[in-house]
N, C-alpha and C. Protein backbone atom coordinates (compact mmCIF):
# COMPACT_ATOMS: atom_id res chain seq x y z
N MET A 1 -320.21 26.18 -70.09
CA MET A 1 -319.64 26.71 -68.87
C MET A 1 -318.72 25.70 -68.25
N ARG A 2 -319.08 24.47 -68.41
CA ARG A 2 -318.24 23.43 -67.84
C ARG A 2 -316.89 23.37 -68.53
N ALA A 3 -316.82 23.64 -69.79
CA ALA A 3 -315.57 23.60 -70.55
C ALA A 3 -314.61 24.67 -70.07
N THR A 4 -315.11 25.77 -69.61
CA THR A 4 -314.24 26.83 -69.13
C THR A 4 -313.66 26.53 -67.76
N ARG A 5 -314.34 25.68 -67.00
CA ARG A 5 -313.85 25.37 -65.66
C ARG A 5 -312.80 24.27 -65.66
N THR A 6 -312.75 23.49 -66.65
CA THR A 6 -311.78 22.40 -66.65
C THR A 6 -310.37 22.97 -66.81
N LEU A 7 -309.50 22.36 -66.08
CA LEU A 7 -308.10 22.81 -66.11
C LEU A 7 -307.31 21.93 -67.07
N THR A 8 -306.60 22.55 -67.90
CA THR A 8 -305.73 21.80 -68.81
C THR A 8 -304.32 21.89 -68.28
N VAL A 9 -303.49 21.02 -68.81
CA VAL A 9 -302.09 21.00 -68.37
C VAL A 9 -301.42 22.32 -68.69
N SER A 10 -301.69 22.87 -69.83
CA SER A 10 -301.04 24.14 -70.19
C SER A 10 -301.46 25.26 -69.24
N ARG A 11 -302.72 25.26 -68.80
CA ARG A 11 -303.14 26.27 -67.83
C ARG A 11 -302.53 26.02 -66.47
N LEU A 12 -302.37 24.75 -66.11
CA LEU A 12 -301.76 24.43 -64.82
C LEU A 12 -300.30 24.85 -64.79
N LEU A 13 -299.63 24.70 -65.92
CA LEU A 13 -298.22 25.08 -65.96
C LEU A 13 -298.02 26.59 -65.82
N THR A 14 -299.03 27.35 -66.20
CA THR A 14 -298.90 28.79 -66.06
C THR A 14 -299.09 29.26 -64.63
N LYS A 15 -299.70 28.43 -63.81
CA LYS A 15 -299.88 28.79 -62.41
C LYS A 15 -298.68 28.25 -61.61
N ARG A 16 -298.05 29.10 -60.94
CA ARG A 16 -296.83 28.76 -60.23
C ARG A 16 -297.03 27.72 -59.14
N LYS A 17 -298.13 27.74 -58.47
CA LYS A 17 -298.34 26.83 -57.35
C LYS A 17 -298.53 25.39 -57.79
N TYR A 18 -298.88 25.13 -59.04
CA TYR A 18 -299.06 23.77 -59.55
C TYR A 18 -297.81 23.25 -60.28
N PHE A 19 -296.89 24.12 -60.62
CA PHE A 19 -295.75 23.75 -61.45
C PHE A 19 -294.90 22.64 -60.80
N THR A 20 -294.59 22.77 -59.55
CA THR A 20 -293.75 21.79 -58.85
C THR A 20 -294.42 20.42 -58.84
N TRP A 21 -295.73 20.39 -58.58
CA TRP A 21 -296.42 19.11 -58.52
C TRP A 21 -296.47 18.41 -59.89
N ILE A 22 -296.72 19.20 -60.92
CA ILE A 22 -296.78 18.61 -62.27
C ILE A 22 -295.41 18.09 -62.67
N LEU A 23 -294.38 18.87 -62.37
CA LEU A 23 -293.01 18.43 -62.69
C LEU A 23 -292.67 17.15 -61.96
N LEU A 24 -293.06 17.04 -60.73
CA LEU A 24 -292.81 15.84 -59.94
C LEU A 24 -293.53 14.63 -60.54
N ILE A 25 -294.77 14.82 -60.96
CA ILE A 25 -295.54 13.72 -61.57
C ILE A 25 -294.90 13.30 -62.89
N LEU A 26 -294.52 14.27 -63.70
CA LEU A 26 -293.92 13.95 -65.00
C LEU A 26 -292.59 13.22 -64.86
N LEU A 27 -291.82 13.56 -63.83
CA LEU A 27 -290.54 12.89 -63.61
C LEU A 27 -290.71 11.51 -63.01
N SER A 28 -291.81 11.28 -62.31
CA SER A 28 -291.99 9.98 -61.68
C SER A 28 -292.42 8.91 -62.68
N PHE A 29 -293.06 9.28 -63.78
CA PHE A 29 -293.48 8.28 -64.77
C PHE A 29 -292.31 7.54 -65.41
N PRO A 30 -291.26 8.20 -65.88
CA PRO A 30 -290.14 7.44 -66.43
C PRO A 30 -289.46 6.56 -65.38
N ALA A 31 -289.38 7.03 -64.15
CA ALA A 31 -288.77 6.23 -63.09
C ALA A 31 -289.61 4.99 -62.82
N ALA A 32 -290.92 5.15 -62.84
CA ALA A 32 -291.80 4.00 -62.62
C ALA A 32 -291.70 3.02 -63.78
N ALA A 33 -291.55 3.52 -64.99
CA ALA A 33 -291.41 2.65 -66.16
C ALA A 33 -290.11 1.87 -66.09
N LEU A 34 -289.03 2.51 -65.67
CA LEU A 34 -287.75 1.81 -65.53
C LEU A 34 -287.83 0.74 -64.44
N ALA A 35 -288.47 1.06 -63.35
CA ALA A 35 -288.58 0.10 -62.25
C ALA A 35 -289.41 -1.10 -62.66
N ALA A 36 -290.40 -0.89 -63.52
CA ALA A 36 -291.25 -1.99 -63.97
C ALA A 36 -290.61 -2.74 -65.13
N GLY A 37 -289.53 -2.22 -65.67
CA GLY A 37 -288.84 -2.89 -66.77
C GLY A 37 -289.41 -2.54 -68.11
N GLY A 38 -290.15 -1.48 -68.21
CA GLY A 38 -290.78 -1.13 -69.48
C GLY A 38 -289.82 -0.52 -70.48
N GLY A 39 -288.73 0.11 -70.05
CA GLY A 39 -287.85 0.80 -71.00
C GLY A 39 -286.63 0.00 -71.36
N ALA A 40 -286.37 -1.12 -70.73
CA ALA A 40 -285.15 -1.88 -70.98
C ALA A 40 -285.50 -3.20 -71.63
N SER A 41 -284.53 -3.75 -72.33
CA SER A 41 -284.77 -5.02 -72.99
C SER A 41 -284.61 -6.19 -72.03
N SER A 42 -283.81 -6.03 -71.01
CA SER A 42 -283.63 -7.10 -70.02
C SER A 42 -284.69 -6.98 -68.94
N SER A 43 -284.71 -7.95 -68.06
CA SER A 43 -285.76 -7.96 -67.04
C SER A 43 -285.47 -7.01 -65.88
N SER A 44 -284.22 -6.56 -65.70
CA SER A 44 -283.92 -5.64 -64.60
C SER A 44 -283.12 -4.46 -65.13
N PRO A 45 -283.24 -3.34 -64.47
CA PRO A 45 -282.49 -2.17 -64.94
C PRO A 45 -280.99 -2.38 -64.72
N ALA A 46 -280.19 -1.86 -65.61
CA ALA A 46 -278.74 -2.01 -65.52
C ALA A 46 -278.11 -0.66 -65.19
N VAL A 47 -277.01 -0.73 -64.51
CA VAL A 47 -276.26 0.45 -64.16
C VAL A 47 -274.90 0.33 -64.81
N ALA A 48 -274.45 1.35 -65.46
CA ALA A 48 -273.14 1.32 -66.11
C ALA A 48 -272.06 1.27 -65.05
N PRO A 49 -270.93 0.64 -65.36
CA PRO A 49 -269.84 0.60 -64.36
C PRO A 49 -269.34 2.01 -64.03
N ALA A 50 -269.08 2.22 -62.77
CA ALA A 50 -268.61 3.53 -62.32
C ALA A 50 -267.15 3.71 -62.71
N ARG A 51 -266.80 4.95 -62.97
CA ARG A 51 -265.39 5.22 -63.28
C ARG A 51 -264.87 6.27 -62.29
N VAL A 52 -263.61 6.15 -61.99
CA VAL A 52 -262.99 7.03 -61.01
C VAL A 52 -262.70 8.37 -61.68
N VAL A 53 -263.09 9.42 -61.01
CA VAL A 53 -262.85 10.77 -61.52
C VAL A 53 -261.64 11.31 -60.75
N PRO A 54 -260.61 11.75 -61.46
CA PRO A 54 -259.44 12.29 -60.75
C PRO A 54 -259.80 13.59 -60.01
N ILE A 55 -259.18 13.77 -58.86
CA ILE A 55 -259.49 14.95 -58.06
C ILE A 55 -258.35 15.96 -58.09
N ALA A 56 -257.54 15.92 -59.11
CA ALA A 56 -256.42 16.86 -59.23
C ALA A 56 -256.86 18.31 -59.15
N PRO A 57 -257.98 18.68 -59.77
CA PRO A 57 -258.39 20.09 -59.64
C PRO A 57 -258.65 20.50 -58.20
N LEU A 58 -259.00 19.56 -57.33
CA LEU A 58 -259.26 19.89 -55.94
C LEU A 58 -257.98 19.97 -55.12
N GLN A 59 -256.90 19.38 -55.60
CA GLN A 59 -255.66 19.37 -54.82
C GLN A 59 -255.01 20.74 -54.76
N ARG A 60 -255.13 21.52 -55.81
CA ARG A 60 -254.52 22.85 -55.80
C ARG A 60 -255.12 23.73 -54.70
N PRO A 61 -256.44 23.81 -54.57
CA PRO A 61 -256.98 24.62 -53.47
C PRO A 61 -256.58 24.07 -52.10
N VAL A 62 -256.48 22.77 -51.95
CA VAL A 62 -256.08 22.19 -50.67
C VAL A 62 -254.64 22.59 -50.35
N LYS A 63 -253.77 22.52 -51.35
CA LYS A 63 -252.37 22.91 -51.11
C LYS A 63 -252.26 24.40 -50.80
N ARG A 64 -253.06 25.22 -51.48
CA ARG A 64 -253.07 26.65 -51.17
C ARG A 64 -253.54 26.89 -49.74
N PHE A 65 -254.56 26.16 -49.32
CA PHE A 65 -255.07 26.28 -47.96
C PHE A 65 -254.00 25.87 -46.95
N GLN A 66 -253.30 24.75 -47.24
CA GLN A 66 -252.25 24.29 -46.33
C GLN A 66 -251.12 25.32 -46.25
N ARG A 67 -250.76 25.92 -47.40
CA ARG A 67 -249.73 26.96 -47.38
C ARG A 67 -250.19 28.16 -46.57
N LEU A 68 -251.45 28.52 -46.69
CA LEU A 68 -251.99 29.64 -45.93
C LEU A 68 -251.94 29.36 -44.44
N VAL A 69 -252.34 28.15 -44.04
CA VAL A 69 -252.30 27.77 -42.63
C VAL A 69 -250.86 27.80 -42.12
N HIS A 70 -249.93 27.26 -42.92
CA HIS A 70 -248.52 27.26 -42.52
C HIS A 70 -248.01 28.69 -42.38
N SER A 71 -248.37 29.54 -43.32
CA SER A 71 -247.94 30.94 -43.28
C SER A 71 -248.48 31.66 -42.04
N ILE A 72 -249.75 31.43 -41.73
CA ILE A 72 -250.34 32.07 -40.55
C ILE A 72 -249.68 31.55 -39.28
N ALA A 73 -249.42 30.24 -39.21
CA ALA A 73 -248.75 29.67 -38.03
C ALA A 73 -247.35 30.27 -37.88
N HIS A 74 -246.66 30.44 -39.00
CA HIS A 74 -245.31 31.03 -38.97
C HIS A 74 -245.39 32.48 -38.45
N ASP A 75 -246.38 33.24 -38.93
CA ASP A 75 -246.55 34.62 -38.47
C ASP A 75 -246.86 34.67 -36.98
N ILE A 76 -247.69 33.75 -36.50
CA ILE A 76 -248.02 33.71 -35.08
C ILE A 76 -246.77 33.42 -34.25
N ARG A 77 -245.96 32.44 -34.71
CA ARG A 77 -244.72 32.13 -33.98
C ARG A 77 -243.78 33.34 -33.96
N ASP A 78 -243.67 34.05 -35.09
CA ASP A 78 -242.83 35.25 -35.14
C ASP A 78 -243.32 36.32 -34.18
N GLU A 79 -244.64 36.51 -34.13
CA GLU A 79 -245.19 37.51 -33.21
C GLU A 79 -244.96 37.11 -31.76
N GLU A 80 -245.07 35.82 -31.45
CA GLU A 80 -244.83 35.36 -30.08
C GLU A 80 -243.37 35.57 -29.70
N ARG A 81 -242.45 35.27 -30.63
CA ARG A 81 -241.02 35.49 -30.36
C ARG A 81 -240.73 36.97 -30.15
N ALA A 82 -241.32 37.83 -30.99
CA ALA A 82 -241.11 39.26 -30.86
C ALA A 82 -241.63 39.77 -29.52
N ALA A 83 -242.80 39.27 -29.10
CA ALA A 83 -243.36 39.67 -27.81
C ALA A 83 -242.47 39.20 -26.66
N ALA A 84 -241.91 37.99 -26.77
CA ALA A 84 -241.02 37.48 -25.73
C ALA A 84 -239.75 38.32 -25.67
N ARG A 85 -239.21 38.68 -26.85
CA ARG A 85 -238.00 39.53 -26.86
C ARG A 85 -238.30 40.89 -26.25
N LYS A 86 -239.48 41.44 -26.54
CA LYS A 86 -239.85 42.74 -25.99
C LYS A 86 -239.97 42.66 -24.47
N ARG A 87 -240.62 41.59 -23.97
CA ARG A 87 -240.74 41.43 -22.51
C ARG A 87 -239.36 41.31 -21.86
N GLU A 88 -238.46 40.53 -22.50
CA GLU A 88 -237.10 40.36 -21.94
C GLU A 88 -236.35 41.69 -21.95
N ARG A 89 -236.50 42.47 -23.04
CA ARG A 89 -235.84 43.76 -23.12
C ARG A 89 -236.37 44.71 -22.05
N GLU A 90 -237.69 44.71 -21.84
CA GLU A 90 -238.28 45.55 -20.79
C GLU A 90 -237.78 45.14 -19.41
N ARG A 91 -237.64 43.84 -19.21
CA ARG A 91 -237.15 43.35 -17.93
C ARG A 91 -235.68 43.73 -17.73
N GLU A 92 -234.90 43.64 -18.80
CA GLU A 92 -233.49 44.04 -18.72
C GLU A 92 -233.39 45.53 -18.40
N GLU A 93 -234.23 46.35 -19.04
CA GLU A 93 -234.19 47.79 -18.80
C GLU A 93 -234.61 48.13 -17.37
N GLN A 94 -235.48 47.31 -16.81
CA GLN A 94 -235.93 47.52 -15.43
C GLN A 94 -234.75 47.45 -14.46
N PHE A 95 -233.79 46.57 -14.75
CA PHE A 95 -232.65 46.38 -13.86
C PHE A 95 -231.37 46.98 -14.42
N ALA A 96 -231.47 47.87 -15.42
CA ALA A 96 -230.27 48.39 -16.10
C ALA A 96 -229.46 49.32 -15.20
N GLU A 97 -230.12 50.13 -14.43
CA GLU A 97 -229.39 51.09 -13.60
C GLU A 97 -229.10 50.47 -12.23
N LEU A 98 -227.85 50.43 -11.88
CA LEU A 98 -227.43 49.80 -10.62
C LEU A 98 -227.60 50.78 -9.47
N PRO A 99 -228.20 50.33 -8.38
CA PRO A 99 -228.41 51.22 -7.22
C PRO A 99 -227.13 51.38 -6.38
N GLY A 100 -227.13 52.41 -5.58
CA GLY A 100 -226.07 52.60 -4.58
C GLY A 100 -224.72 52.98 -5.14
N GLY A 101 -224.64 53.40 -6.36
CA GLY A 101 -223.38 53.83 -6.94
C GLY A 101 -222.37 52.71 -7.13
N VAL A 102 -222.82 51.48 -7.16
CA VAL A 102 -221.93 50.34 -7.35
C VAL A 102 -221.57 50.26 -8.83
N SER A 103 -220.29 50.07 -9.11
CA SER A 103 -219.88 49.99 -10.51
C SER A 103 -220.05 48.56 -11.04
N LEU A 104 -220.27 48.47 -12.32
CA LEU A 104 -220.43 47.18 -12.96
C LEU A 104 -219.11 46.40 -12.93
N SER A 105 -217.98 47.10 -12.96
CA SER A 105 -216.69 46.40 -12.92
C SER A 105 -216.48 45.71 -11.57
N THR A 106 -216.95 46.32 -10.48
CA THR A 106 -216.86 45.69 -9.16
C THR A 106 -217.69 44.42 -9.13
N LEU A 107 -218.90 44.51 -9.66
CA LEU A 107 -219.77 43.34 -9.70
C LEU A 107 -219.19 42.25 -10.60
N GLU A 108 -218.60 42.63 -11.72
CA GLU A 108 -218.01 41.63 -12.63
C GLU A 108 -216.86 40.89 -11.96
N GLU A 109 -216.06 41.59 -11.15
CA GLU A 109 -214.97 40.94 -10.42
C GLU A 109 -215.52 39.92 -9.42
N ILE A 110 -216.58 40.31 -8.70
CA ILE A 110 -217.19 39.39 -7.73
C ILE A 110 -217.78 38.18 -8.46
N ALA A 111 -218.50 38.43 -9.56
CA ALA A 111 -219.11 37.33 -10.31
C ALA A 111 -218.06 36.40 -10.89
N SER A 112 -216.98 36.95 -11.37
CA SER A 112 -215.91 36.13 -11.93
C SER A 112 -215.30 35.22 -10.87
N CYS A 113 -215.13 35.75 -9.67
CA CYS A 113 -214.56 34.97 -8.58
C CYS A 113 -215.56 33.94 -8.03
N GLU A 114 -216.83 34.35 -7.87
CA GLU A 114 -217.84 33.48 -7.26
C GLU A 114 -218.28 32.34 -8.16
N SER A 115 -218.56 32.65 -9.43
CA SER A 115 -219.17 31.64 -10.31
C SER A 115 -218.43 31.44 -11.63
N GLY A 116 -217.31 32.13 -11.79
CA GLY A 116 -216.59 32.05 -13.06
C GLY A 116 -217.35 32.79 -14.16
N GLY A 117 -218.27 33.66 -13.79
CA GLY A 117 -219.04 34.43 -14.76
C GLY A 117 -220.23 33.68 -15.35
N ASP A 118 -220.57 32.52 -14.75
CA ASP A 118 -221.69 31.73 -15.25
C ASP A 118 -222.96 32.10 -14.50
N PRO A 119 -223.97 32.71 -15.19
CA PRO A 119 -225.18 33.13 -14.48
C PRO A 119 -226.06 31.97 -14.02
N THR A 120 -225.80 30.77 -14.52
CA THR A 120 -226.60 29.60 -14.11
C THR A 120 -225.84 28.69 -13.15
N ALA A 121 -224.72 29.15 -12.65
CA ALA A 121 -223.89 28.31 -11.78
C ALA A 121 -224.63 27.96 -10.48
N VAL A 122 -224.41 26.72 -10.02
CA VAL A 122 -225.00 26.24 -8.77
C VAL A 122 -223.89 25.57 -7.98
N SER A 123 -223.81 25.87 -6.68
CA SER A 123 -222.77 25.27 -5.85
C SER A 123 -222.98 23.76 -5.77
N SER A 124 -221.96 23.04 -5.34
CA SER A 124 -222.02 21.57 -5.32
C SER A 124 -223.15 21.05 -4.42
N ASP A 125 -223.45 21.75 -3.34
CA ASP A 125 -224.54 21.30 -2.47
C ASP A 125 -225.89 21.94 -2.85
N GLY A 126 -225.91 22.83 -3.86
CA GLY A 126 -227.15 23.43 -4.34
C GLY A 126 -227.64 24.62 -3.54
N THR A 127 -226.86 25.04 -2.53
CA THR A 127 -227.29 26.14 -1.67
C THR A 127 -227.12 27.49 -2.34
N TYR A 128 -226.01 27.70 -3.02
CA TYR A 128 -225.69 29.00 -3.61
C TYR A 128 -225.86 28.93 -5.12
N ARG A 129 -226.48 30.02 -5.67
CA ARG A 129 -226.90 29.94 -7.07
C ARG A 129 -226.68 31.25 -7.80
N GLY A 130 -226.36 31.15 -9.09
CA GLY A 130 -226.26 32.32 -9.96
C GLY A 130 -224.87 32.92 -9.99
N LEU A 131 -224.77 34.08 -10.65
CA LEU A 131 -223.49 34.79 -10.81
C LEU A 131 -222.84 35.11 -9.47
N TYR A 132 -223.64 35.52 -8.51
CA TYR A 132 -223.10 36.00 -7.24
C TYR A 132 -223.30 34.99 -6.12
N GLN A 133 -223.71 33.78 -6.47
CA GLN A 133 -223.90 32.68 -5.52
C GLN A 133 -224.79 33.09 -4.35
N PHE A 134 -225.98 33.60 -4.71
CA PHE A 134 -226.99 33.94 -3.71
C PHE A 134 -227.58 32.66 -3.13
N ASP A 135 -227.91 32.69 -1.83
CA ASP A 135 -228.78 31.64 -1.30
C ASP A 135 -230.21 32.19 -1.40
N TYR A 136 -231.20 31.33 -1.27
CA TYR A 136 -232.58 31.76 -1.48
C TYR A 136 -233.00 32.87 -0.52
N GLY A 137 -232.56 32.79 0.74
CA GLY A 137 -232.95 33.80 1.74
C GLY A 137 -232.42 35.18 1.39
N THR A 138 -231.16 35.26 1.02
CA THR A 138 -230.57 36.55 0.66
C THR A 138 -231.21 37.09 -0.62
N TRP A 139 -231.43 36.20 -1.58
CA TRP A 139 -232.05 36.59 -2.85
C TRP A 139 -233.43 37.21 -2.59
N GLU A 140 -234.22 36.58 -1.73
CA GLU A 140 -235.55 37.09 -1.44
C GLU A 140 -235.49 38.37 -0.62
N SER A 141 -234.49 38.50 0.26
CA SER A 141 -234.36 39.73 1.06
C SER A 141 -234.02 40.93 0.19
N MET A 142 -233.45 40.68 -0.99
CA MET A 142 -233.12 41.77 -1.93
C MET A 142 -234.25 41.99 -2.95
N GLY A 143 -235.39 41.31 -2.75
CA GLY A 143 -236.56 41.53 -3.62
C GLY A 143 -236.68 40.54 -4.75
N GLY A 144 -235.79 39.55 -4.82
CA GLY A 144 -235.87 38.56 -5.88
C GLY A 144 -236.91 37.50 -5.56
N SER A 145 -237.33 36.80 -6.60
CA SER A 145 -238.26 35.69 -6.39
C SER A 145 -237.83 34.56 -7.30
N GLY A 146 -238.11 33.34 -6.84
CA GLY A 146 -237.74 32.18 -7.64
C GLY A 146 -236.27 31.82 -7.47
N ASP A 147 -235.73 31.15 -8.45
CA ASP A 147 -234.35 30.67 -8.44
C ASP A 147 -233.42 31.76 -8.93
N PRO A 148 -232.39 32.15 -8.13
CA PRO A 148 -231.46 33.17 -8.59
C PRO A 148 -230.73 32.77 -9.88
N ALA A 149 -230.45 31.49 -10.06
CA ALA A 149 -229.73 31.03 -11.25
C ALA A 149 -230.61 31.09 -12.50
N ALA A 150 -231.92 31.17 -12.32
CA ALA A 150 -232.83 31.27 -13.47
C ALA A 150 -233.13 32.72 -13.84
N ALA A 151 -232.72 33.66 -13.01
CA ALA A 151 -232.97 35.08 -13.28
C ALA A 151 -232.04 35.58 -14.37
N SER A 152 -232.43 36.66 -15.01
CA SER A 152 -231.59 37.25 -16.05
C SER A 152 -230.33 37.83 -15.43
N VAL A 153 -229.33 38.02 -16.25
CA VAL A 153 -228.05 38.59 -15.78
C VAL A 153 -228.29 39.99 -15.23
N ALA A 154 -229.14 40.76 -15.90
CA ALA A 154 -229.41 42.12 -15.44
C ALA A 154 -230.04 42.11 -14.05
N GLU A 155 -230.99 41.18 -13.82
CA GLU A 155 -231.60 41.12 -12.50
C GLU A 155 -230.60 40.67 -11.45
N GLN A 156 -229.75 39.71 -11.78
CA GLN A 156 -228.74 39.27 -10.82
C GLN A 156 -227.79 40.42 -10.49
N ASN A 157 -227.40 41.20 -11.50
CA ASN A 157 -226.55 42.37 -11.26
C ASN A 157 -227.25 43.38 -10.35
N TYR A 158 -228.52 43.62 -10.61
CA TYR A 158 -229.29 44.58 -9.83
C TYR A 158 -229.39 44.14 -8.37
N ARG A 159 -229.74 42.86 -8.14
CA ARG A 159 -229.87 42.36 -6.77
C ARG A 159 -228.51 42.36 -6.05
N ALA A 160 -227.45 42.04 -6.77
CA ALA A 160 -226.10 42.06 -6.16
C ALA A 160 -225.71 43.49 -5.81
N ALA A 161 -226.07 44.44 -6.67
CA ALA A 161 -225.76 45.85 -6.38
C ALA A 161 -226.52 46.32 -5.15
N LEU A 162 -227.80 45.89 -5.03
CA LEU A 162 -228.56 46.23 -3.82
C LEU A 162 -227.88 45.68 -2.57
N LEU A 163 -227.43 44.42 -2.66
CA LEU A 163 -226.77 43.78 -1.52
C LEU A 163 -225.45 44.48 -1.21
N TYR A 164 -224.70 44.82 -2.24
CA TYR A 164 -223.40 45.49 -2.05
C TYR A 164 -223.62 46.88 -1.45
N ALA A 165 -224.68 47.57 -1.90
CA ALA A 165 -224.97 48.91 -1.37
C ALA A 165 -225.38 48.85 0.09
N SER A 166 -226.05 47.76 0.52
CA SER A 166 -226.51 47.69 1.90
C SER A 166 -225.49 47.03 2.84
N ALA A 167 -224.68 46.09 2.34
CA ALA A 167 -223.80 45.36 3.24
C ALA A 167 -222.33 45.40 2.83
N GLY A 168 -222.01 46.10 1.77
CA GLY A 168 -220.62 46.15 1.32
C GLY A 168 -220.19 44.81 0.74
N SER A 169 -218.91 44.51 0.89
CA SER A 169 -218.37 43.27 0.32
C SER A 169 -218.46 42.09 1.30
N SER A 170 -219.02 42.29 2.47
CA SER A 170 -219.06 41.22 3.48
C SER A 170 -219.84 39.98 3.04
N PRO A 171 -220.88 40.05 2.20
CA PRO A 171 -221.54 38.82 1.77
C PRO A 171 -220.63 37.93 0.91
N TRP A 172 -219.55 38.51 0.38
CA TRP A 172 -218.59 37.74 -0.42
C TRP A 172 -217.22 37.84 0.25
N PRO A 173 -217.01 37.12 1.33
CA PRO A 173 -215.78 37.30 2.12
C PRO A 173 -214.52 36.98 1.34
N VAL A 174 -214.55 36.04 0.43
CA VAL A 174 -213.36 35.68 -0.31
C VAL A 174 -213.20 36.56 -1.55
N CYS A 175 -214.31 36.81 -2.24
CA CYS A 175 -214.26 37.49 -3.54
C CYS A 175 -214.53 38.98 -3.45
N GLY A 176 -215.05 39.48 -2.35
CA GLY A 176 -215.43 40.87 -2.27
C GLY A 176 -214.32 41.73 -1.94
């Protein structure tokens, strides 16, 4: 009866829960023999000189990844530019129709006389700005905000048309 209870290595290997422990023990014996110097002719274990392994196979995936990142960044910049163009177009359309029946040719004559047709023109003392040489107070009274010289041409035309419709040519005594 005692012979049947004893566990042999072959029976232990068939049981899954003992397999890892037996494998660990079997692997530790050669390591212990090497550490004690039993397997080598010299007194200490030797390590072969290391050699450099080229990483060329890894460079291709890295370059593909970099190209992918560059491509995505390019697409993002294109989408941002398209969105900016769309916003500018919507803003231009907002001011496309001139109020008060003022013709664009009348406004162009005033702008040519006031600023030489330069939408970013600023007077020498900095008081009058843009195509129609608005001062900040007049610009704001016509619904504008910020710097008149920084506004789009369409917005400057729109604000000038509002001013012309409400006050005639009097705001431009020389050019109107």
